[in-house]
Structures are given as C-alpha cells and as structure tokens.
N, C-alpha and C. Protein backbone atom coordinates (compact mmCIF):
# COMPACT_ATOMS: atom_id res chain seq x y z
N MET A 1 -67.44 -156.89 115.08
CA MET A 1 -68.14 -156.97 113.81
C MET A 1 -69.07 -155.75 113.68
N SER A 2 -69.04 -155.07 112.58
CA SER A 2 -69.80 -153.86 112.35
C SER A 2 -71.24 -154.19 111.93
N LEU A 3 -72.16 -153.28 112.22
CA LEU A 3 -73.55 -153.44 111.81
C LEU A 3 -73.69 -153.43 110.29
N PHE A 4 -72.75 -152.84 109.60
CA PHE A 4 -72.86 -152.63 108.16
C PHE A 4 -72.23 -153.74 107.33
N ASN A 5 -71.75 -154.78 107.94
CA ASN A 5 -71.07 -155.85 107.19
C ASN A 5 -72.04 -156.69 106.37
N ASN A 6 -73.30 -156.72 106.70
CA ASN A 6 -74.26 -157.57 105.99
C ASN A 6 -74.96 -156.86 104.84
N VAL A 7 -74.42 -155.80 104.36
CA VAL A 7 -75.03 -155.08 103.25
C VAL A 7 -74.56 -155.71 101.95
N GLU A 8 -75.26 -156.77 101.56
CA GLU A 8 -74.92 -157.50 100.33
C GLU A 8 -76.08 -157.42 99.34
N LEU A 9 -77.01 -156.48 99.55
CA LEU A 9 -78.18 -156.39 98.70
C LEU A 9 -77.86 -155.84 97.31
N ILE A 10 -76.81 -155.09 97.21
CA ILE A 10 -76.45 -154.46 95.94
C ILE A 10 -75.30 -155.25 95.33
N GLU A 11 -75.38 -155.46 94.03
CA GLU A 11 -74.30 -156.16 93.35
C GLU A 11 -73.00 -155.40 93.56
N GLU A 12 -71.91 -156.15 93.68
CA GLU A 12 -70.62 -155.56 94.03
C GLU A 12 -70.16 -154.50 93.02
N ASP A 13 -70.34 -154.75 91.72
CA ASP A 13 -69.86 -153.79 90.73
C ASP A 13 -70.69 -152.50 90.77
N VAL A 14 -72.00 -152.61 91.02
CA VAL A 14 -72.85 -151.43 91.13
C VAL A 14 -72.44 -150.64 92.37
N LEU A 15 -72.22 -151.35 93.47
CA LEU A 15 -71.80 -150.70 94.70
C LEU A 15 -70.45 -150.01 94.51
N ALA A 16 -69.53 -150.68 93.83
CA ALA A 16 -68.22 -150.10 93.60
C ALA A 16 -68.32 -148.81 92.79
N LYS A 17 -69.21 -148.82 91.76
CA LYS A 17 -69.39 -147.63 90.93
C LYS A 17 -69.95 -146.48 91.76
N ILE A 18 -70.98 -146.77 92.56
CA ILE A 18 -71.59 -145.73 93.39
C ILE A 18 -70.59 -145.20 94.40
N LEU A 19 -69.83 -146.09 95.01
CA LEU A 19 -68.86 -145.66 96.02
C LEU A 19 -67.73 -144.85 95.39
N SER A 20 -67.39 -145.18 94.15
CA SER A 20 -66.38 -144.41 93.44
C SER A 20 -66.87 -142.98 93.23
N GLU A 21 -68.16 -142.85 92.83
CA GLU A 21 -68.76 -141.52 92.68
C GLU A 21 -68.76 -140.79 94.03
N TYR A 22 -69.06 -141.53 95.09
CA TYR A 22 -69.07 -140.95 96.42
C TYR A 22 -67.71 -140.37 96.78
N ASN A 23 -66.66 -141.15 96.50
CA ASN A 23 -65.31 -140.69 96.81
C ASN A 23 -64.98 -139.42 96.03
N GLU A 24 -65.37 -139.39 94.75
CA GLU A 24 -65.10 -138.21 93.93
C GLU A 24 -65.88 -136.99 94.42
N ASN A 25 -67.16 -137.22 94.80
CA ASN A 25 -68.03 -136.11 95.20
C ASN A 25 -67.73 -135.57 96.60
N THR A 26 -67.31 -136.44 97.51
CA THR A 26 -67.11 -136.01 98.89
C THR A 26 -65.66 -135.76 99.23
N GLY A 27 -64.75 -136.44 98.58
CA GLY A 27 -63.33 -136.31 98.88
C GLY A 27 -62.94 -136.91 100.23
N LEU A 28 -63.84 -137.70 100.83
CA LEU A 28 -63.55 -138.31 102.12
C LEU A 28 -62.70 -139.55 101.93
N GLU A 29 -61.80 -139.75 102.85
CA GLU A 29 -60.97 -140.94 102.87
C GLU A 29 -61.75 -142.04 103.58
N LEU A 30 -61.98 -143.15 102.92
CA LEU A 30 -62.75 -144.23 103.51
C LEU A 30 -61.85 -145.17 104.29
N LEU A 31 -62.07 -145.25 105.57
CA LEU A 31 -61.34 -146.17 106.41
C LEU A 31 -62.32 -147.22 106.93
N PRO A 32 -61.99 -148.51 106.87
CA PRO A 32 -62.91 -149.56 107.27
C PRO A 32 -63.41 -149.41 108.69
N GLU A 33 -62.58 -148.88 109.60
CA GLU A 33 -63.00 -148.80 110.99
C GLU A 33 -63.82 -147.55 111.30
N ASP A 34 -63.95 -146.66 110.34
CA ASP A 34 -64.69 -145.42 110.57
C ASP A 34 -66.19 -145.66 110.31
N SER A 35 -66.95 -145.90 111.35
CA SER A 35 -68.37 -146.22 111.22
C SER A 35 -69.17 -145.05 110.66
N ASN A 36 -68.82 -143.82 111.01
CA ASN A 36 -69.56 -142.67 110.50
C ASN A 36 -69.42 -142.55 108.99
N VAL A 37 -68.21 -142.77 108.50
CA VAL A 37 -67.99 -142.69 107.05
C VAL A 37 -68.73 -143.83 106.36
N ARG A 38 -68.68 -145.02 106.96
CA ARG A 38 -69.36 -146.18 106.39
C ARG A 38 -70.88 -145.92 106.37
N ALA A 39 -71.42 -145.38 107.44
CA ALA A 39 -72.85 -145.07 107.48
C ALA A 39 -73.20 -144.02 106.43
N ASP A 40 -72.34 -143.01 106.29
CA ASP A 40 -72.59 -141.98 105.29
C ASP A 40 -72.56 -142.57 103.89
N ARG A 41 -71.63 -143.53 103.67
CA ARG A 41 -71.56 -144.22 102.37
C ARG A 41 -72.87 -144.92 102.07
N LEU A 42 -73.41 -145.60 103.07
CA LEU A 42 -74.67 -146.31 102.85
C LEU A 42 -75.82 -145.34 102.60
N LEU A 43 -75.81 -144.21 103.30
CA LEU A 43 -76.83 -143.19 103.04
C LEU A 43 -76.73 -142.66 101.62
N TYR A 44 -75.50 -142.51 101.16
CA TYR A 44 -75.27 -142.05 99.79
C TYR A 44 -75.83 -143.07 98.79
N VAL A 45 -75.57 -144.36 99.06
CA VAL A 45 -76.08 -145.42 98.19
C VAL A 45 -77.61 -145.41 98.19
N ILE A 46 -78.21 -145.28 99.37
CA ILE A 46 -79.68 -145.24 99.46
C ILE A 46 -80.22 -144.07 98.67
N ASP A 47 -79.57 -142.90 98.78
CA ASP A 47 -80.01 -141.72 98.04
C ASP A 47 -79.97 -141.98 96.54
N LYS A 48 -78.90 -142.60 96.07
CA LYS A 48 -78.78 -142.91 94.63
C LYS A 48 -79.90 -143.85 94.20
N ILE A 49 -80.14 -144.88 94.99
CA ILE A 49 -81.18 -145.85 94.64
C ILE A 49 -82.56 -145.19 94.67
N GLN A 50 -82.80 -144.32 95.64
CA GLN A 50 -84.08 -143.61 95.70
C GLN A 50 -84.26 -142.71 94.49
N ASN A 51 -83.20 -142.06 94.04
CA ASN A 51 -83.29 -141.23 92.84
C ASN A 51 -83.62 -142.07 91.61
N GLU A 52 -83.00 -143.24 91.51
CA GLU A 52 -83.30 -144.15 90.41
C GLU A 52 -84.75 -144.61 90.48
N GLN A 53 -85.23 -144.89 91.70
CA GLN A 53 -86.61 -145.31 91.89
C GLN A 53 -87.57 -144.20 91.46
N LYS A 54 -87.26 -142.95 91.83
CA LYS A 54 -88.11 -141.82 91.43
C LYS A 54 -88.14 -141.68 89.91
N GLU A 55 -86.99 -141.87 89.29
CA GLU A 55 -86.91 -141.80 87.82
C GLU A 55 -87.77 -142.89 87.19
N LEU A 56 -87.72 -144.09 87.74
CA LEU A 56 -88.54 -145.18 87.23
C LEU A 56 -90.03 -144.88 87.41
N GLU A 57 -90.39 -144.30 88.54
CA GLU A 57 -91.79 -143.94 88.78
C GLU A 57 -92.25 -142.87 87.79
N THR A 58 -91.37 -141.92 87.49
CA THR A 58 -91.70 -140.89 86.51
C THR A 58 -91.89 -141.52 85.13
N GLN A 59 -90.98 -142.43 84.75
CA GLN A 59 -91.11 -143.11 83.47
C GLN A 59 -92.41 -143.92 83.41
N LYS A 60 -92.75 -144.57 84.51
CA LYS A 60 -93.98 -145.35 84.58
C LYS A 60 -95.18 -144.44 84.34
N GLN A 61 -95.23 -143.29 85.02
CA GLN A 61 -96.36 -142.38 84.87
C GLN A 61 -96.42 -141.83 83.45
N ASN A 62 -95.25 -141.51 82.88
CA ASN A 62 -95.23 -141.03 81.49
C ASN A 62 -95.77 -142.09 80.55
N SER A 63 -95.44 -143.34 80.82
CA SER A 63 -95.92 -144.44 80.00
C SER A 63 -97.44 -144.57 80.12
N ILE A 64 -97.94 -144.48 81.35
CA ILE A 64 -99.39 -144.56 81.56
C ILE A 64 -100.09 -143.42 80.82
N ASP A 65 -99.56 -142.21 80.95
CA ASP A 65 -100.15 -141.05 80.27
C ASP A 65 -100.14 -141.26 78.76
N PHE A 66 -99.03 -141.79 78.24
CA PHE A 66 -98.91 -142.03 76.80
C PHE A 66 -100.01 -142.99 76.34
N TYR A 67 -100.19 -144.09 77.06
CA TYR A 67 -101.19 -145.08 76.65
C TYR A 67 -102.61 -144.57 76.87
N ASP A 68 -102.84 -143.79 77.91
CA ASP A 68 -104.16 -143.19 78.11
C ASP A 68 -104.49 -142.27 76.93
N ASP A 69 -103.54 -141.48 76.49
CA ASP A 69 -103.75 -140.59 75.34
C ASP A 69 -104.00 -141.40 74.07
N ALA A 70 -103.23 -142.46 73.88
CA ALA A 70 -103.40 -143.29 72.69
C ALA A 70 -104.77 -143.95 72.67
N ILE A 71 -105.22 -144.42 73.82
CA ILE A 71 -106.54 -145.05 73.92
C ILE A 71 -107.63 -144.01 73.65
N ALA A 72 -107.49 -142.80 74.19
CA ALA A 72 -108.47 -141.74 73.97
C ALA A 72 -108.56 -141.39 72.48
N LYS A 73 -107.43 -141.35 71.79
CA LYS A 73 -107.42 -141.05 70.36
C LYS A 73 -108.12 -142.16 69.58
N LYS A 74 -107.90 -143.42 69.97
CA LYS A 74 -108.57 -144.54 69.29
C LYS A 74 -110.08 -144.45 69.51
N LYS A 75 -110.50 -144.13 70.74
CA LYS A 75 -111.92 -143.99 71.05
C LYS A 75 -112.54 -142.87 70.22
N GLN A 76 -111.83 -141.75 70.11
CA GLN A 76 -112.31 -140.62 69.32
C GLN A 76 -112.44 -141.02 67.84
N HIS A 77 -111.49 -141.78 67.35
CA HIS A 77 -111.52 -142.23 65.96
C HIS A 77 -112.73 -143.16 65.74
N ILE A 78 -112.96 -144.07 66.68
CA ILE A 78 -114.11 -144.98 66.57
C ILE A 78 -115.41 -144.18 66.60
N ASP A 79 -115.51 -143.18 67.47
CA ASP A 79 -116.71 -142.35 67.54
C ASP A 79 -116.96 -141.64 66.22
N HIS A 80 -115.90 -141.14 65.60
CA HIS A 80 -116.03 -140.47 64.30
C HIS A 80 -116.53 -141.46 63.24
N LEU A 81 -115.95 -142.64 63.21
CA LEU A 81 -116.38 -143.64 62.23
C LEU A 81 -117.81 -144.10 62.49
N GLU A 82 -118.18 -144.21 63.76
CA GLU A 82 -119.55 -144.60 64.11
C GLU A 82 -120.54 -143.53 63.62
N THR A 83 -120.16 -142.26 63.73
CA THR A 83 -121.00 -141.18 63.22
C THR A 83 -121.20 -141.32 61.72
N ASN A 84 -120.14 -141.66 61.01
CA ASN A 84 -120.25 -141.87 59.56
C ASN A 84 -121.19 -143.03 59.25
N LEU A 85 -121.10 -144.11 60.02
CA LEU A 85 -122.00 -145.25 59.81
C LEU A 85 -123.45 -144.86 60.11
N ARG A 86 -123.65 -144.07 61.16
CA ARG A 86 -125.00 -143.62 61.51
C ARG A 86 -125.59 -142.78 60.36
N LEU A 87 -124.78 -141.86 59.81
CA LEU A 87 -125.24 -141.04 58.69
C LEU A 87 -125.57 -141.91 57.48
N PHE A 88 -124.77 -142.93 57.24
CA PHE A 88 -125.02 -143.86 56.15
C PHE A 88 -126.37 -144.54 56.35
N MET A 89 -126.63 -145.02 57.59
CA MET A 89 -127.88 -145.71 57.87
C MET A 89 -129.08 -144.77 57.80
N ASP A 90 -128.88 -143.49 58.12
CA ASP A 90 -129.98 -142.52 58.03
C ASP A 90 -130.51 -142.40 56.61
N HIS A 91 -129.68 -142.64 55.61
CA HIS A 91 -130.08 -142.50 54.21
C HIS A 91 -130.52 -143.81 53.59
N MET A 92 -130.47 -144.88 54.33
CA MET A 92 -130.88 -146.18 53.81
C MET A 92 -132.33 -146.45 54.18
N ASP A 93 -133.00 -147.26 53.38
CA ASP A 93 -134.39 -147.62 53.68
C ASP A 93 -134.46 -148.89 54.51
N LYS A 94 -133.34 -149.44 54.90
CA LYS A 94 -133.32 -150.69 55.65
C LYS A 94 -133.05 -150.42 57.12
N LYS A 95 -133.57 -151.29 57.97
CA LYS A 95 -133.33 -151.19 59.40
C LYS A 95 -132.07 -151.96 59.80
N THR A 96 -131.73 -152.98 59.01
CA THR A 96 -130.56 -153.81 59.30
C THR A 96 -129.82 -154.07 58.01
N ILE A 97 -128.51 -153.94 58.07
CA ILE A 97 -127.67 -154.27 56.93
C ILE A 97 -126.56 -155.17 57.44
N LYS A 98 -126.49 -156.38 56.87
CA LYS A 98 -125.43 -157.31 57.25
C LYS A 98 -124.29 -157.12 56.25
N LEU A 99 -123.11 -156.94 56.77
CA LEU A 99 -121.91 -156.73 55.96
C LEU A 99 -120.87 -157.77 56.36
N PRO A 100 -119.87 -157.99 55.53
CA PRO A 100 -118.86 -159.00 55.87
C PRO A 100 -118.16 -158.75 57.21
N ASN A 101 -118.00 -157.48 57.59
CA ASN A 101 -117.29 -157.18 58.83
C ASN A 101 -118.20 -156.78 59.98
N GLY A 102 -119.50 -157.01 59.85
CA GLY A 102 -120.40 -156.71 60.95
C GLY A 102 -121.80 -156.39 60.47
N THR A 103 -122.63 -155.94 61.39
CA THR A 103 -124.03 -155.64 61.12
C THR A 103 -124.37 -154.24 61.60
N LEU A 104 -125.11 -153.51 60.77
CA LEU A 104 -125.58 -152.18 61.14
C LEU A 104 -127.07 -152.28 61.43
N ARG A 105 -127.52 -151.64 62.49
CA ARG A 105 -128.94 -151.64 62.85
C ARG A 105 -129.37 -150.22 63.20
N MET A 106 -130.57 -149.87 62.74
CA MET A 106 -131.17 -148.59 63.10
C MET A 106 -132.59 -148.88 63.56
N ARG A 107 -132.87 -148.59 64.80
CA ARG A 107 -134.19 -148.82 65.37
C ARG A 107 -134.72 -147.49 65.90
N THR A 108 -136.01 -147.28 65.73
CA THR A 108 -136.66 -146.10 66.28
C THR A 108 -137.59 -146.56 67.40
N THR A 109 -137.40 -145.98 68.55
CA THR A 109 -138.26 -146.29 69.69
C THR A 109 -138.89 -144.99 70.17
N LYS A 110 -139.91 -145.13 70.96
CA LYS A 110 -140.58 -143.95 71.52
C LYS A 110 -140.08 -143.73 72.93
N LYS A 111 -139.75 -142.49 73.22
CA LYS A 111 -139.32 -142.10 74.55
C LYS A 111 -140.41 -141.19 75.11
N PHE A 112 -141.02 -141.62 76.20
CA PHE A 112 -142.10 -140.85 76.81
C PHE A 112 -141.50 -139.86 77.81
N LEU A 113 -141.78 -138.59 77.62
CA LEU A 113 -141.33 -137.55 78.52
C LEU A 113 -142.56 -137.04 79.28
N TYR A 114 -142.73 -137.53 80.48
CA TYR A 114 -143.90 -137.21 81.27
C TYR A 114 -143.75 -135.84 81.90
N PRO A 115 -144.90 -135.11 82.05
CA PRO A 115 -144.83 -133.81 82.71
C PRO A 115 -144.50 -134.00 84.19
N GLU A 116 -143.86 -133.00 84.77
CA GLU A 116 -143.51 -133.10 86.19
C GLU A 116 -144.74 -133.09 87.07
N ASP A 117 -145.78 -132.40 86.66
CA ASP A 117 -147.03 -132.37 87.43
C ASP A 117 -147.83 -133.62 87.08
N LYS A 118 -147.77 -134.60 87.98
CA LYS A 118 -148.42 -135.90 87.74
C LYS A 118 -149.93 -135.83 87.88
N SER A 119 -150.45 -134.72 88.40
CA SER A 119 -151.90 -134.62 88.58
C SER A 119 -152.63 -134.66 87.24
N VAL A 120 -152.03 -134.11 86.20
CA VAL A 120 -152.63 -134.15 84.87
C VAL A 120 -152.73 -135.59 84.40
N LEU A 121 -151.68 -136.37 84.62
CA LEU A 121 -151.70 -137.78 84.22
C LEU A 121 -152.69 -138.56 85.07
N LEU A 122 -152.76 -138.24 86.34
CA LEU A 122 -153.68 -138.92 87.26
C LEU A 122 -155.13 -138.71 86.80
N GLU A 123 -155.47 -137.47 86.50
CA GLU A 123 -156.83 -137.18 86.03
C GLU A 123 -157.12 -137.87 84.71
N PHE A 124 -156.13 -137.86 83.81
CA PHE A 124 -156.28 -138.52 82.51
C PHE A 124 -156.57 -140.01 82.69
N CYS A 125 -155.80 -140.67 83.56
CA CYS A 125 -155.98 -142.10 83.79
C CYS A 125 -157.32 -142.40 84.46
N GLN A 126 -157.73 -141.56 85.40
CA GLN A 126 -158.98 -141.78 86.12
C GLN A 126 -160.18 -141.67 85.18
N THR A 127 -160.17 -140.70 84.28
CA THR A 127 -161.31 -140.51 83.37
C THR A 127 -161.37 -141.58 82.29
N ARG A 128 -160.29 -142.31 82.08
CA ARG A 128 -160.26 -143.32 81.02
C ARG A 128 -160.12 -144.74 81.58
N ASN A 129 -160.28 -144.89 82.85
CA ASN A 129 -160.17 -146.18 83.53
C ASN A 129 -158.84 -146.89 83.27
N ILE A 130 -157.76 -146.12 83.28
CA ILE A 130 -156.41 -146.69 83.17
C ILE A 130 -155.96 -147.01 84.58
N ASP A 131 -155.33 -148.15 84.76
CA ASP A 131 -154.90 -148.60 86.09
C ASP A 131 -154.08 -147.53 86.79
N LEU A 132 -154.34 -147.41 88.08
CA LEU A 132 -153.58 -146.49 88.92
C LEU A 132 -152.87 -147.29 90.00
N ILE A 133 -151.73 -146.84 90.38
CA ILE A 133 -151.01 -147.45 91.48
C ILE A 133 -151.68 -146.98 92.76
N VAL A 134 -151.68 -147.79 93.77
CA VAL A 134 -152.41 -147.53 95.01
C VAL A 134 -152.10 -146.14 95.57
N SER A 135 -150.93 -145.64 95.38
CA SER A 135 -150.58 -144.33 95.91
C SER A 135 -151.15 -143.20 95.06
N HIS A 136 -152.07 -143.53 94.19
CA HIS A 136 -152.73 -142.60 93.29
C HIS A 136 -151.75 -141.91 92.35
N LYS A 137 -150.86 -142.73 91.84
CA LYS A 137 -149.97 -142.28 90.77
C LYS A 137 -150.41 -143.03 89.52
N PRO A 138 -150.28 -142.40 88.37
CA PRO A 138 -150.66 -143.12 87.15
C PRO A 138 -149.72 -144.31 86.92
N ASP A 139 -150.28 -145.42 86.47
CA ASP A 139 -149.48 -146.59 86.10
C ASP A 139 -148.93 -146.29 84.70
N LEU A 140 -147.67 -145.91 84.66
CA LEU A 140 -147.09 -145.44 83.40
C LEU A 140 -147.07 -146.54 82.34
N LYS A 141 -146.93 -147.78 82.77
CA LYS A 141 -146.93 -148.90 81.82
C LYS A 141 -148.32 -149.02 81.17
N SER A 142 -149.35 -148.94 81.99
CA SER A 142 -150.72 -149.02 81.46
C SER A 142 -151.02 -147.79 80.59
N LEU A 143 -150.51 -146.64 81.02
CA LEU A 143 -150.71 -145.42 80.26
C LEU A 143 -150.06 -145.53 78.88
N LYS A 144 -148.83 -146.05 78.83
CA LYS A 144 -148.15 -146.24 77.55
C LYS A 144 -148.96 -147.16 76.64
N LYS A 145 -149.46 -148.24 77.21
CA LYS A 145 -150.24 -149.21 76.44
C LYS A 145 -151.49 -148.54 75.88
N TYR A 146 -152.19 -147.77 76.73
CA TYR A 146 -153.40 -147.08 76.32
C TYR A 146 -153.11 -146.10 75.17
N ILE A 147 -152.03 -145.31 75.32
CA ILE A 147 -151.68 -144.33 74.29
C ILE A 147 -151.31 -145.03 73.00
N THR A 148 -150.57 -146.13 73.10
CA THR A 148 -150.16 -146.87 71.91
C THR A 148 -151.37 -147.41 71.16
N ILE A 149 -152.38 -147.89 71.90
CA ILE A 149 -153.56 -148.48 71.27
C ILE A 149 -154.50 -147.41 70.72
N THR A 150 -154.77 -146.37 71.54
CA THR A 150 -155.79 -145.40 71.16
C THR A 150 -155.25 -144.15 70.48
N GLY A 151 -154.00 -143.80 70.75
CA GLY A 151 -153.46 -142.56 70.22
C GLY A 151 -153.90 -141.34 71.01
N ASP A 152 -154.70 -141.53 72.06
CA ASP A 152 -155.20 -140.47 72.92
C ASP A 152 -154.09 -140.09 73.91
N ILE A 153 -153.60 -138.84 73.84
CA ILE A 153 -152.45 -138.41 74.63
C ILE A 153 -152.88 -137.35 75.63
N PRO A 154 -152.50 -137.52 76.91
CA PRO A 154 -152.87 -136.51 77.91
C PRO A 154 -152.10 -135.20 77.70
N GLU A 155 -152.69 -134.14 78.18
CA GLU A 155 -152.08 -132.82 78.08
C GLU A 155 -150.75 -132.82 78.84
N GLY A 156 -149.72 -132.25 78.26
CA GLY A 156 -148.42 -132.14 78.91
C GLY A 156 -147.47 -133.28 78.60
N LEU A 157 -147.97 -134.36 78.01
CA LEU A 157 -147.11 -135.50 77.68
C LEU A 157 -146.51 -135.28 76.29
N VAL A 158 -145.22 -135.43 76.19
CA VAL A 158 -144.52 -135.29 74.92
C VAL A 158 -143.94 -136.65 74.58
N ILE A 159 -144.11 -137.06 73.34
CA ILE A 159 -143.55 -138.34 72.88
C ILE A 159 -142.54 -138.02 71.80
N GLU A 160 -141.30 -138.44 72.02
CA GLU A 160 -140.23 -138.21 71.06
C GLU A 160 -139.89 -139.51 70.34
N ASP A 161 -139.54 -139.40 69.07
CA ASP A 161 -138.97 -140.54 68.37
C ASP A 161 -137.47 -140.54 68.62
N VAL A 162 -136.95 -141.64 69.10
CA VAL A 162 -135.53 -141.75 69.41
C VAL A 162 -134.93 -142.82 68.52
N ASN A 163 -133.91 -142.44 67.76
CA ASN A 163 -133.21 -143.40 66.92
C ASN A 163 -132.11 -144.07 67.72
N ASN A 164 -132.13 -145.37 67.73
CA ASN A 164 -131.08 -146.14 68.40
C ASN A 164 -130.25 -146.81 67.33
N PHE A 165 -129.00 -146.46 67.26
CA PHE A 165 -128.10 -147.04 66.27
C PHE A 165 -127.14 -147.97 67.00
N SER A 166 -126.88 -149.12 66.40
CA SER A 166 -125.87 -150.01 66.98
C SER A 166 -125.15 -150.69 65.83
N PHE A 167 -123.98 -151.17 66.16
CA PHE A 167 -123.24 -151.95 65.19
C PHE A 167 -122.49 -153.02 65.94
N LYS A 168 -122.18 -154.09 65.20
CA LYS A 168 -121.42 -155.17 65.80
C LYS A 168 -120.37 -155.59 64.81
N SER A 169 -119.15 -155.47 65.20
CA SER A 169 -118.04 -155.88 64.34
C SER A 169 -117.82 -157.37 64.53
N THR A 170 -117.46 -158.01 63.46
CA THR A 170 -117.19 -159.46 63.57
C THR A 170 -115.85 -159.70 64.20
N GLY A 171 -115.08 -158.67 64.40
CA GLY A 171 -113.77 -158.82 65.07
C GLY A 171 -112.78 -159.59 64.23
N GLY A 172 -112.86 -159.47 62.91
CA GLY A 172 -111.89 -160.12 62.03
C GLY A 172 -112.21 -161.59 61.79
N GLU A 173 -113.43 -162.03 62.12
CA GLU A 173 -113.79 -163.43 61.92
C GLU A 173 -114.03 -163.72 60.47
C-alpha cells in the first residue's frame, strides 16, 4: 500500500482537472506503481492550491484596501459637512439648535495656557494668598478660580477663547 493512497482531501473532479493539466504540462506517463511520479503529481497539486491561496489572499487585501478607502472618503465627507455646520453655527445667535435630524451646539470655553516658567505663577499666587501645592507649585485650579472671580491675571498667562462645536444625529429616528 502506497503512502499516497489516502489523499482524498481534494474533490475527485478538481483533482482530475489538475492532473490533466499536469499531464499536458509535463508529458510524463503516469504509472500507478511509480512513486516518484505520484509524489511529483501531489507536489504539482499542492503548487496549484498554493497559487489559488495566494490569489485569494491578494483579493482579500484588495478588498480591505477598497473598504479602507471607502471609509476614509466617508470620513472626509462627514468632516466637510461638519465644517459647514460649524460655519452655520458661527453666524447664529443661539448656542443650541434642535433640528429634526439632530442637535447643533456651540460652546465657548476658556483654555488656560500657562507660562513654562512657573516661578511667575508661584510669586503671583503667594502675593495674593492663592493656595499652593506643598511642592511650591501654584494650585492651578485655585488660580483659575481666582482669575475668574477677580479678572487679575499674572504676567505670562494667556487665556484663549476656545469654541467647542458638537452635533448629535438622531440616526434616522
């Protein structure tokens, strides 16, 4: 009994087609008792299957690339539309607009940009009795509160107005 008799993994008609191609391509006479020819036949079949597998992997990658591109285009389109909504809200006197397909919100918050040299803030806090952290760093939370209440701003501190825009789609509800 030959080692190759249990090769039943491939459907018979597929195997017959591949072996027919093998006979045409190699011109070898297939004899059942010739183990070398039988082994070569199986190597040929494996090569064909590996080529098909590589083709499937290529198709898979092409498909992934296609969908990645499609998703990127959708994201870019949404970003463009969001910019249009932001421009719309910039010209409105309202902070919130409820619409049938979602809600637009425009909020302005303050962003504190502290100077890198904390000694200026430390001196500012010490002279105004603003809480300090034990390591002699200014308590930025207390400093913010103090500035918000008094309007007194230490040298080197810049306060920017930052517009935060958001929207929420109802998702077709």
